[in-house]
Amino acid sequence: MNATVSTVRRPAGARTDPQDALRSALPGAAEPSGAVVVEHLDGEEVTVVAFWPDEHSAADGARVYRIDDRMDGVAAGRSPLFAQVTWLNGTGDPAVAQAAERGGRDRIYPAVRDVDGLVGVVVLRSGDDRVVVLALATARETHAEIQDRITRTHLLPGEDPALLPGPDRMELGRVLLARVPTEVRS
């Protein structure tokens, strides 16, 4: 399973129709296997994570990510109302991507997996080692609790802080559409 991530601006004051956001983010593309549409809290942009059965199905010219990891939270199976999209490793450094993968799987996920309201997390990694993390939750406060727990974790033995520069960008927003294919769910 693969994914593409697109952020589109919408006209001020316009209502967000998830299907319009999909069409704007994926002009001329085939229908994705699923999608998550996140309206940024400022309401000016929408991020669309579209899931594809293979990289050839994705929109032409889009960076294609493979599903690198996925984790269920205690609220798995419930409808997410809020999502946080986090972009990491904008430089494409393979060592940074590897460190982020290890830190996420072995340090961060154990610290947050029991946060009330966490539906799940999908980790995407592109062929050029860019990483996007999509965290889905039932409440906005869930994301605040997750961030608090992450900042309180201690590095694992062998983790190099120089390889963990933090996010390039983070967007928190309302989930307008969440159709995650079963192949992506844990």
N, C-alpha and C. Protein backbone atom coordinates (compact mmCIF):
# COMPACT_ATOMS: atom_id res chain seq x y z
N MET A 1 0.86 -1.17 0.00
CA MET A 1 0.00 0.00 0.00
C MET A 1 0.90 1.23 0.00
N ASN A 2 0.49 2.23 -0.76
CA ASN A 2 1.23 3.47 -0.89
C ASN A 2 0.31 4.65 -0.61
N ALA A 3 0.90 5.83 -0.54
CA ALA A 3 0.11 7.04 -0.26
C ALA A 3 0.76 8.24 -0.92
N THR A 4 -0.05 9.26 -1.14
CA THR A 4 0.44 10.57 -1.54
C THR A 4 -0.10 11.57 -0.53
N VAL A 5 0.62 12.67 -0.35
CA VAL A 5 0.21 13.70 0.60
C VAL A 5 0.20 15.03 -0.15
N SER A 6 -0.95 15.71 -0.13
CA SER A 6 -1.08 16.99 -0.82
C SER A 6 -1.73 18.00 0.11
N THR A 7 -1.25 19.22 0.07
CA THR A 7 -1.88 20.31 0.81
C THR A 7 -2.40 21.31 -0.21
N VAL A 8 -3.68 21.63 -0.12
CA VAL A 8 -4.29 22.57 -1.06
C VAL A 8 -4.92 23.72 -0.30
N ARG A 9 -4.83 24.91 -0.87
CA ARG A 9 -5.43 26.11 -0.30
C ARG A 9 -6.85 26.22 -0.84
N ARG A 10 -7.73 26.68 -0.02
CA ARG A 10 -9.10 26.88 -0.47
C ARG A 10 -9.47 28.35 -0.32
N PRO A 11 -10.42 28.82 -1.08
CA PRO A 11 -10.82 30.23 -1.00
C PRO A 11 -11.33 30.57 0.40
N ALA A 12 -11.00 31.76 0.86
CA ALA A 12 -11.44 32.21 2.18
C ALA A 12 -12.96 32.16 2.27
N GLY A 13 -13.45 31.65 3.37
CA GLY A 13 -14.89 31.60 3.60
C GLY A 13 -15.61 30.46 2.93
N ALA A 14 -14.91 29.72 2.08
CA ALA A 14 -15.57 28.60 1.39
C ALA A 14 -15.70 27.42 2.35
N ARG A 15 -16.83 26.73 2.22
CA ARG A 15 -17.03 25.52 3.03
C ARG A 15 -16.18 24.40 2.42
N THR A 16 -15.74 23.50 3.26
CA THR A 16 -14.91 22.41 2.76
C THR A 16 -15.74 21.16 2.56
N ASP A 17 -15.84 20.75 1.33
CA ASP A 17 -16.46 19.48 0.96
C ASP A 17 -15.29 18.51 0.78
N PRO A 18 -15.26 17.40 1.53
CA PRO A 18 -14.13 16.48 1.41
C PRO A 18 -13.91 15.98 -0.01
N GLN A 19 -14.98 15.78 -0.76
CA GLN A 19 -14.83 15.31 -2.13
C GLN A 19 -14.22 16.39 -3.02
N ASP A 20 -14.57 17.67 -2.78
CA ASP A 20 -13.93 18.76 -3.52
C ASP A 20 -12.45 18.83 -3.19
N ALA A 21 -12.10 18.63 -1.91
CA ALA A 21 -10.69 18.63 -1.51
C ALA A 21 -9.94 17.50 -2.20
N LEU A 22 -10.55 16.34 -2.27
CA LEU A 22 -9.92 15.22 -2.98
C LEU A 22 -9.69 15.55 -4.44
N ARG A 23 -10.70 16.10 -5.09
CA ARG A 23 -10.57 16.45 -6.51
C ARG A 23 -9.50 17.52 -6.72
N SER A 24 -9.41 18.49 -5.81
CA SER A 24 -8.39 19.55 -5.93
C SER A 24 -6.99 18.99 -5.73
N ALA A 25 -6.85 18.07 -4.78
CA ALA A 25 -5.54 17.51 -4.48
C ALA A 25 -5.10 16.47 -5.50
N LEU A 26 -6.05 15.85 -6.17
CA LEU A 26 -5.74 14.75 -7.09
C LEU A 26 -6.34 14.98 -8.47
N PRO A 27 -6.04 16.12 -9.11
CA PRO A 27 -6.66 16.40 -10.41
C PRO A 27 -6.25 15.35 -11.44
N GLY A 28 -7.25 14.77 -12.08
CA GLY A 28 -6.99 13.81 -13.15
C GLY A 28 -6.53 12.45 -12.67
N ALA A 29 -6.39 12.25 -11.38
CA ALA A 29 -5.92 10.96 -10.88
C ALA A 29 -7.07 9.97 -10.79
N ALA A 30 -6.71 8.73 -10.77
CA ALA A 30 -7.71 7.68 -10.55
C ALA A 30 -8.24 7.80 -9.13
N GLU A 31 -9.30 7.11 -8.84
CA GLU A 31 -9.89 7.12 -7.50
C GLU A 31 -8.96 6.37 -6.54
N PRO A 32 -8.57 7.01 -5.42
CA PRO A 32 -7.70 6.31 -4.47
C PRO A 32 -8.46 5.20 -3.74
N SER A 33 -7.71 4.29 -3.12
CA SER A 33 -8.30 3.20 -2.34
C SER A 33 -8.92 3.70 -1.05
N GLY A 34 -8.49 4.87 -0.63
CA GLY A 34 -8.99 5.50 0.58
C GLY A 34 -8.33 6.85 0.74
N ALA A 35 -8.78 7.62 1.71
CA ALA A 35 -8.19 8.95 1.91
C ALA A 35 -8.54 9.46 3.30
N VAL A 36 -7.67 10.33 3.79
CA VAL A 36 -7.94 11.10 5.00
C VAL A 36 -7.81 12.56 4.59
N VAL A 37 -8.86 13.34 4.85
CA VAL A 37 -8.87 14.77 4.53
C VAL A 37 -8.88 15.53 5.84
N VAL A 38 -7.87 16.38 6.03
CA VAL A 38 -7.70 17.12 7.28
C VAL A 38 -7.78 18.61 6.98
N GLU A 39 -8.77 19.28 7.58
CA GLU A 39 -8.90 20.73 7.45
C GLU A 39 -8.06 21.38 8.54
N HIS A 40 -7.07 22.17 8.14
CA HIS A 40 -6.19 22.82 9.11
C HIS A 40 -7.03 23.73 10.02
N LEU A 41 -6.58 23.89 11.23
CA LEU A 41 -7.35 24.67 12.20
C LEU A 41 -7.56 26.12 11.76
N ASP A 42 -6.63 26.67 10.96
CA ASP A 42 -6.84 28.02 10.47
C ASP A 42 -7.87 28.07 9.35
N GLY A 43 -8.25 26.89 8.85
CA GLY A 43 -9.31 26.80 7.84
C GLY A 43 -8.91 27.20 6.45
N GLU A 44 -7.65 27.58 6.22
CA GLU A 44 -7.25 28.05 4.90
C GLU A 44 -6.72 26.95 3.99
N GLU A 45 -6.26 25.85 4.59
CA GLU A 45 -5.70 24.76 3.80
C GLU A 45 -6.29 23.42 4.25
N VAL A 46 -6.18 22.48 3.36
CA VAL A 46 -6.62 21.11 3.62
C VAL A 46 -5.49 20.19 3.19
N THR A 47 -5.15 19.22 4.03
CA THR A 47 -4.17 18.21 3.66
C THR A 47 -4.92 16.92 3.36
N VAL A 48 -4.58 16.32 2.22
CA VAL A 48 -5.19 15.08 1.76
C VAL A 48 -4.12 14.00 1.72
N VAL A 49 -4.35 12.94 2.48
CA VAL A 49 -3.51 11.75 2.40
C VAL A 49 -4.34 10.72 1.64
N ALA A 50 -3.89 10.41 0.43
CA ALA A 50 -4.62 9.46 -0.42
C ALA A 50 -3.86 8.14 -0.45
N PHE A 51 -4.58 7.04 -0.30
CA PHE A 51 -3.98 5.71 -0.28
C PHE A 51 -4.19 5.04 -1.63
N TRP A 52 -3.14 4.36 -2.11
CA TRP A 52 -3.13 3.74 -3.43
C TRP A 52 -2.65 2.30 -3.32
N PRO A 53 -3.21 1.40 -4.13
CA PRO A 53 -2.79 0.00 -4.05
C PRO A 53 -1.33 -0.21 -4.47
N ASP A 54 -0.84 0.64 -5.37
CA ASP A 54 0.56 0.56 -5.80
C ASP A 54 1.01 1.95 -6.23
N GLU A 55 2.31 2.13 -6.38
CA GLU A 55 2.82 3.46 -6.68
C GLU A 55 2.43 3.96 -8.07
N HIS A 56 2.11 3.05 -8.98
CA HIS A 56 1.73 3.45 -10.35
C HIS A 56 0.32 4.01 -10.42
N SER A 57 -0.50 3.75 -9.41
CA SER A 57 -1.87 4.26 -9.38
C SER A 57 -1.94 5.70 -8.90
N ALA A 58 -0.90 6.17 -8.23
CA ALA A 58 -0.89 7.51 -7.65
C ALA A 58 -0.86 8.58 -8.73
N ALA A 59 -1.22 9.79 -8.32
CA ALA A 59 -1.26 10.93 -9.24
C ALA A 59 0.12 11.16 -9.85
N ASP A 60 0.15 11.47 -11.15
CA ASP A 60 1.41 11.75 -11.83
C ASP A 60 2.14 12.90 -11.17
N GLY A 61 3.43 12.74 -10.99
CA GLY A 61 4.27 13.81 -10.46
C GLY A 61 4.23 13.94 -8.95
N ALA A 62 3.39 13.19 -8.27
CA ALA A 62 3.29 13.29 -6.81
C ALA A 62 4.38 12.43 -6.17
N ARG A 63 4.90 12.88 -5.04
CA ARG A 63 5.83 12.06 -4.27
C ARG A 63 5.02 10.90 -3.69
N VAL A 64 5.48 9.70 -3.91
CA VAL A 64 4.79 8.52 -3.44
C VAL A 64 5.49 8.00 -2.19
N TYR A 65 4.69 7.71 -1.18
CA TYR A 65 5.19 7.17 0.08
C TYR A 65 4.71 5.73 0.21
N ARG A 66 5.53 4.90 0.81
CA ARG A 66 5.05 3.56 1.17
C ARG A 66 4.61 3.62 2.63
N ILE A 67 3.71 2.75 3.00
CA ILE A 67 3.29 2.66 4.39
C ILE A 67 4.43 1.95 5.12
N ASP A 68 5.16 2.70 5.94
CA ASP A 68 6.33 2.19 6.62
C ASP A 68 5.96 1.51 7.93
N ASP A 69 4.94 2.03 8.59
CA ASP A 69 4.50 1.46 9.86
C ASP A 69 3.09 1.94 10.13
N ARG A 70 2.39 1.20 10.96
CA ARG A 70 1.05 1.60 11.38
C ARG A 70 0.81 1.02 12.76
N MET A 71 0.16 1.80 13.58
CA MET A 71 -0.06 1.41 14.96
C MET A 71 -1.46 1.79 15.38
N ASP A 72 -2.14 0.88 16.02
CA ASP A 72 -3.47 1.16 16.55
C ASP A 72 -3.35 1.78 17.93
N GLY A 73 -4.28 2.67 18.25
CA GLY A 73 -4.39 3.23 19.58
C GLY A 73 -5.55 2.58 20.32
N VAL A 74 -5.78 3.03 21.54
CA VAL A 74 -6.86 2.45 22.35
C VAL A 74 -8.25 2.74 21.77
N ALA A 75 -8.36 3.74 20.92
CA ALA A 75 -9.64 4.07 20.30
C ALA A 75 -9.75 3.53 18.87
N ALA A 76 -8.92 2.54 18.54
CA ALA A 76 -8.98 1.94 17.19
C ALA A 76 -10.40 1.49 16.89
N GLY A 77 -10.84 1.74 15.67
CA GLY A 77 -12.19 1.39 15.26
C GLY A 77 -13.18 2.52 15.41
N ARG A 78 -12.84 3.54 16.21
CA ARG A 78 -13.72 4.71 16.34
C ARG A 78 -13.41 5.70 15.22
N SER A 79 -14.35 6.58 14.94
CA SER A 79 -14.14 7.59 13.90
C SER A 79 -13.25 8.71 14.44
N PRO A 80 -12.16 9.00 13.73
CA PRO A 80 -11.31 10.11 14.17
C PRO A 80 -11.97 11.45 13.86
N LEU A 81 -11.82 12.39 14.77
CA LEU A 81 -12.35 13.74 14.57
C LEU A 81 -11.24 14.76 14.35
N PHE A 82 -10.03 14.45 14.85
CA PHE A 82 -8.88 15.33 14.69
C PHE A 82 -7.69 14.53 14.22
N ALA A 83 -6.82 15.19 13.47
CA ALA A 83 -5.60 14.54 12.98
C ALA A 83 -4.45 15.52 13.07
N GLN A 84 -3.28 14.97 13.26
CA GLN A 84 -2.06 15.76 13.17
C GLN A 84 -1.20 15.14 12.08
N VAL A 85 -0.77 15.97 11.14
CA VAL A 85 0.11 15.54 10.07
C VAL A 85 1.47 16.18 10.36
N THR A 86 2.50 15.33 10.43
CA THR A 86 3.84 15.80 10.77
C THR A 86 4.80 15.40 9.65
N TRP A 87 5.52 16.37 9.11
CA TRP A 87 6.52 16.14 8.08
C TRP A 87 7.89 16.13 8.74
N LEU A 88 8.69 15.10 8.44
CA LEU A 88 10.04 14.95 8.99
C LEU A 88 11.04 14.75 7.87
N ASN A 89 12.27 15.12 8.13
CA ASN A 89 13.40 14.83 7.24
C ASN A 89 13.23 15.39 5.84
N GLY A 90 12.95 16.67 5.77
CA GLY A 90 12.81 17.34 4.49
C GLY A 90 14.07 17.30 3.63
N THR A 91 15.21 17.02 4.24
CA THR A 91 16.47 16.94 3.49
C THR A 91 16.65 15.57 2.84
N GLY A 92 15.87 14.59 3.28
CA GLY A 92 15.97 13.26 2.69
C GLY A 92 17.19 12.47 3.14
N ASP A 93 17.71 12.76 4.30
CA ASP A 93 18.88 12.05 4.83
C ASP A 93 18.44 10.65 5.29
N PRO A 94 18.98 9.58 4.69
CA PRO A 94 18.57 8.23 5.08
C PRO A 94 18.84 7.92 6.56
N ALA A 95 19.92 8.44 7.12
CA ALA A 95 20.23 8.19 8.53
C ALA A 95 19.19 8.83 9.44
N VAL A 96 18.70 10.02 9.08
CA VAL A 96 17.67 10.69 9.87
C VAL A 96 16.36 9.91 9.77
N ALA A 97 16.01 9.44 8.57
CA ALA A 97 14.79 8.65 8.39
C ALA A 97 14.86 7.37 9.22
N GLN A 98 16.01 6.72 9.22
CA GLN A 98 16.18 5.48 10.00
C GLN A 98 16.07 5.76 11.49
N ALA A 99 16.66 6.87 11.95
CA ALA A 99 16.59 7.24 13.37
C ALA A 99 15.15 7.58 13.76
N ALA A 100 14.43 8.27 12.88
CA ALA A 100 13.03 8.60 13.16
C ALA A 100 12.18 7.34 13.25
N GLU A 101 12.45 6.39 12.36
CA GLU A 101 11.72 5.12 12.37
C GLU A 101 11.94 4.38 13.68
N ARG A 102 13.19 4.25 14.09
CA ARG A 102 13.49 3.55 15.34
C ARG A 102 12.89 4.27 16.54
N GLY A 103 13.08 5.59 16.61
CA GLY A 103 12.54 6.37 17.73
C GLY A 103 11.03 6.28 17.80
N GLY A 104 10.37 6.31 16.65
CA GLY A 104 8.92 6.22 16.63
C GLY A 104 8.42 4.87 17.10
N ARG A 105 9.02 3.83 16.59
CA ARG A 105 8.59 2.47 16.91
C ARG A 105 8.96 2.04 18.34
N ASP A 106 10.20 2.33 18.75
CA ASP A 106 10.71 1.78 20.01
C ASP A 106 10.62 2.71 21.21
N ARG A 107 10.46 4.02 20.97
CA ARG A 107 10.40 4.97 22.09
C ARG A 107 9.06 5.69 22.16
N ILE A 108 8.64 6.27 21.05
CA ILE A 108 7.44 7.11 21.07
C ILE A 108 6.16 6.27 21.16
N TYR A 109 6.01 5.27 20.27
CA TYR A 109 4.76 4.50 20.30
C TYR A 109 4.51 3.86 21.67
N PRO A 110 5.49 3.22 22.32
CA PRO A 110 5.21 2.67 23.65
C PRO A 110 4.77 3.74 24.66
N ALA A 111 5.23 4.97 24.47
CA ALA A 111 4.87 6.05 25.41
C ALA A 111 3.47 6.59 25.18
N VAL A 112 2.93 6.43 23.95
CA VAL A 112 1.65 7.06 23.63
C VAL A 112 0.53 6.08 23.31
N ARG A 113 0.82 4.82 23.17
CA ARG A 113 -0.19 3.86 22.68
C ARG A 113 -1.43 3.77 23.55
N ASP A 114 -1.33 4.14 24.84
CA ASP A 114 -2.50 4.05 25.72
C ASP A 114 -3.18 5.40 25.97
N VAL A 115 -2.83 6.42 25.17
CA VAL A 115 -3.47 7.72 25.33
C VAL A 115 -4.94 7.60 24.93
N ASP A 116 -5.81 7.99 25.82
CA ASP A 116 -7.25 7.94 25.57
C ASP A 116 -7.58 8.76 24.32
N GLY A 117 -8.28 8.16 23.39
CA GLY A 117 -8.70 8.88 22.18
C GLY A 117 -7.81 8.65 20.98
N LEU A 118 -6.65 8.00 21.15
CA LEU A 118 -5.77 7.74 20.00
C LEU A 118 -6.37 6.61 19.17
N VAL A 119 -6.74 6.93 17.94
CA VAL A 119 -7.29 5.95 17.02
C VAL A 119 -6.16 5.15 16.39
N GLY A 120 -5.15 5.85 15.89
CA GLY A 120 -4.02 5.16 15.29
C GLY A 120 -3.04 6.12 14.64
N VAL A 121 -1.93 5.55 14.21
CA VAL A 121 -0.86 6.31 13.58
C VAL A 121 -0.42 5.57 12.33
N VAL A 122 -0.24 6.30 11.24
CA VAL A 122 0.28 5.74 10.00
C VAL A 122 1.56 6.51 9.68
N VAL A 123 2.65 5.76 9.47
CA VAL A 123 3.94 6.37 9.15
C VAL A 123 4.23 6.10 7.68
N LEU A 124 4.51 7.17 6.94
CA LEU A 124 4.78 7.09 5.51
C LEU A 124 6.23 7.46 5.25
N ARG A 125 6.88 6.75 4.33
CA ARG A 125 8.27 7.06 3.97
C ARG A 125 8.41 6.98 2.46
N SER A 126 8.96 8.04 1.89
CA SER A 126 9.12 8.09 0.44
C SER A 126 10.44 7.41 0.03
N GLY A 127 10.57 7.15 -1.25
CA GLY A 127 11.80 6.56 -1.77
C GLY A 127 13.01 7.44 -1.55
N ASP A 128 12.79 8.75 -1.39
CA ASP A 128 13.90 9.67 -1.11
C ASP A 128 13.97 10.03 0.38
N ASP A 129 13.43 9.15 1.23
CA ASP A 129 13.57 9.19 2.69
C ASP A 129 12.89 10.36 3.39
N ARG A 130 11.89 10.96 2.77
CA ARG A 130 11.05 11.92 3.50
C ARG A 130 10.03 11.12 4.30
N VAL A 131 9.65 11.63 5.46
CA VAL A 131 8.74 10.91 6.34
C VAL A 131 7.55 11.79 6.67
N VAL A 132 6.35 11.21 6.64
CA VAL A 132 5.14 11.90 7.07
C VAL A 132 4.44 10.98 8.06
N VAL A 133 4.02 11.55 9.19
CA VAL A 133 3.32 10.79 10.22
C VAL A 133 1.90 11.35 10.32
N LEU A 134 0.92 10.47 10.20
CA LEU A 134 -0.49 10.83 10.30
C LEU A 134 -1.03 10.21 11.58
N ALA A 135 -1.38 11.05 12.55
CA ALA A 135 -1.94 10.57 13.82
C ALA A 135 -3.41 10.95 13.88
N LEU A 136 -4.26 9.97 14.13
CA LEU A 136 -5.71 10.16 14.15
C LEU A 136 -6.24 9.98 15.57
N ALA A 137 -7.15 10.88 15.97
CA ALA A 137 -7.66 10.84 17.34
C ALA A 137 -9.12 11.27 17.38
N THR A 138 -9.77 10.97 18.50
CA THR A 138 -11.16 11.33 18.67
C THR A 138 -11.34 12.72 19.28
N ALA A 139 -10.25 13.31 19.78
CA ALA A 139 -10.34 14.63 20.41
C ALA A 139 -9.05 15.42 20.18
N ARG A 140 -9.18 16.71 20.13
CA ARG A 140 -8.03 17.59 19.96
C ARG A 140 -7.06 17.46 21.14
N GLU A 141 -7.61 17.27 22.34
CA GLU A 141 -6.78 17.16 23.55
C GLU A 141 -5.89 15.92 23.50
N THR A 142 -6.31 14.92 22.76
CA THR A 142 -5.48 13.72 22.61
C THR A 142 -4.13 14.06 22.02
N HIS A 143 -4.12 14.94 21.02
CA HIS A 143 -2.86 15.32 20.39
C HIS A 143 -1.97 16.10 21.36
N ALA A 144 -2.56 16.92 22.19
CA ALA A 144 -1.78 17.65 23.20
C ALA A 144 -1.14 16.67 24.18
N GLU A 145 -1.90 15.68 24.61
CA GLU A 145 -1.36 14.66 25.53
C GLU A 145 -0.23 13.87 24.87
N ILE A 146 -0.40 13.53 23.61
CA ILE A 146 0.64 12.81 22.87
C ILE A 146 1.91 13.65 22.81
N GLN A 147 1.79 14.93 22.45
CA GLN A 147 2.97 15.80 22.38
C GLN A 147 3.66 15.90 23.73
N ASP A 148 2.87 16.01 24.79
CA ASP A 148 3.43 16.09 26.13
C ASP A 148 4.22 14.83 26.46
N ARG A 149 3.66 13.69 26.16
CA ARG A 149 4.36 12.43 26.44
C ARG A 149 5.62 12.28 25.61
N ILE A 150 5.56 12.69 24.35
CA ILE A 150 6.75 12.60 23.49
C ILE A 150 7.89 13.43 24.07
N THR A 151 7.58 14.64 24.51
CA THR A 151 8.64 15.51 25.04
C THR A 151 9.23 14.97 26.35
N ARG A 152 8.48 14.11 27.04
CA ARG A 152 8.99 13.54 28.30
C ARG A 152 9.74 12.23 28.12
N THR A 153 9.78 11.67 26.88
CA THR A 153 10.51 10.42 26.70
C THR A 153 12.00 10.67 26.73
N HIS A 154 12.73 9.67 27.16
CA HIS A 154 14.19 9.72 27.18
C HIS A 154 14.71 8.96 25.98
N LEU A 155 15.81 9.45 25.43
CA LEU A 155 16.39 8.76 24.28
C LEU A 155 16.79 7.34 24.66
N LEU A 156 16.69 6.46 23.68
CA LEU A 156 17.08 5.07 23.87
C LEU A 156 18.61 4.95 23.80
N PRO A 157 19.18 3.91 24.35
CA PRO A 157 20.62 3.71 24.19
C PRO A 157 20.99 3.67 22.71
N GLY A 158 21.98 4.44 22.35
CA GLY A 158 22.43 4.49 20.96
C GLY A 158 21.72 5.51 20.10
N GLU A 159 20.64 6.14 20.59
CA GLU A 159 19.98 7.18 19.79
C GLU A 159 20.85 8.42 19.77
N ASP A 160 21.07 8.95 18.59
CA ASP A 160 21.91 10.14 18.41
C ASP A 160 21.01 11.37 18.26
N PRO A 161 21.05 12.31 19.22
CA PRO A 161 20.19 13.49 19.12
C PRO A 161 20.42 14.29 17.83
N ALA A 162 21.62 14.22 17.27
CA ALA A 162 21.90 14.94 16.02
C ALA A 162 21.08 14.41 14.86
N LEU A 163 20.62 13.15 14.97
CA LEU A 163 19.81 12.56 13.91
C LEU A 163 18.31 12.72 14.17
N LEU A 164 17.97 13.47 15.21
CA LEU A 164 16.57 13.69 15.57
C LEU A 164 16.29 15.20 15.64
N PRO A 165 16.32 15.87 14.48
CA PRO A 165 16.18 17.33 14.48
C PRO A 165 14.77 17.83 14.76
N GLY A 166 13.79 16.95 14.85
CA GLY A 166 12.41 17.37 15.07
C GLY A 166 11.68 17.57 13.76
N PRO A 167 10.41 17.94 13.85
CA PRO A 167 9.59 18.06 12.64
C PRO A 167 9.96 19.28 11.80
N ASP A 168 9.77 19.13 10.50
CA ASP A 168 9.89 20.26 9.58
C ASP A 168 8.62 21.11 9.62
N ARG A 169 7.50 20.41 9.82
CA ARG A 169 6.20 21.09 9.81
C ARG A 169 5.19 20.17 10.50
N MET A 170 4.22 20.78 11.19
CA MET A 170 3.13 20.02 11.82
C MET A 170 1.83 20.77 11.57
N GLU A 171 0.80 20.04 11.22
CA GLU A 171 -0.52 20.63 11.03
C GLU A 171 -1.53 19.81 11.83
N LEU A 172 -2.28 20.50 12.66
CA LEU A 172 -3.36 19.88 13.43
C LEU A 172 -4.66 20.36 12.82
N GLY A 173 -5.61 19.46 12.65
CA GLY A 173 -6.87 19.89 12.06
C GLY A 173 -8.00 18.91 12.28
N ARG A 174 -9.17 19.33 11.81
CA ARG A 174 -10.38 18.51 11.89
C ARG A 174 -10.36 17.49 10.75
N VAL A 175 -10.78 16.28 11.06
CA VAL A 175 -10.89 15.24 10.04
C VAL A 175 -12.24 15.41 9.35
N LEU A 176 -12.19 15.67 8.05
CA LEU A 176 -13.41 15.80 7.26
C LEU A 176 -13.81 14.49 6.62
N LEU A 177 -12.83 13.63 6.39
CA LEU A 177 -13.06 12.33 5.77
C LEU A 177 -11.96 11.40 6.24
N ALA A 178 -12.33 10.20 6.65
CA ALA A 178 -11.35 9.19 7.04
C ALA A 178 -11.80 7.84 6.50
N ARG A 179 -11.26 7.50 5.35
CA ARG A 179 -11.49 6.18 4.74
C ARG A 179 -10.12 5.53 4.60
N VAL A 180 -9.71 4.82 5.65
CA VAL A 180 -8.41 4.16 5.64
C VAL A 180 -8.64 2.71 5.20
N PRO A 181 -7.99 2.29 4.11
CA PRO A 181 -8.19 0.92 3.65
C PRO A 181 -7.79 -0.10 4.73
N THR A 182 -8.45 -1.24 4.73
CA THR A 182 -8.16 -2.25 5.74
C THR A 182 -6.72 -2.73 5.65
N GLU A 183 -6.10 -2.69 4.48
CA GLU A 183 -4.71 -3.11 4.34
C GLU A 183 -3.76 -2.22 5.14
N VAL A 184 -4.20 -1.00 5.45
CA VAL A 184 -3.35 -0.06 6.18
C VAL A 184 -3.56 -0.20 7.69
N ARG A 185 -4.69 -0.71 8.10
CA ARG A 185 -4.98 -0.83 9.54
C ARG A 185 -4.18 -1.97 10.14
N SER A 186 -3.80 -1.81 11.40
CA SER A 186 -3.07 -2.88 12.11
C SER A 186 -4.04 -3.92 12.56
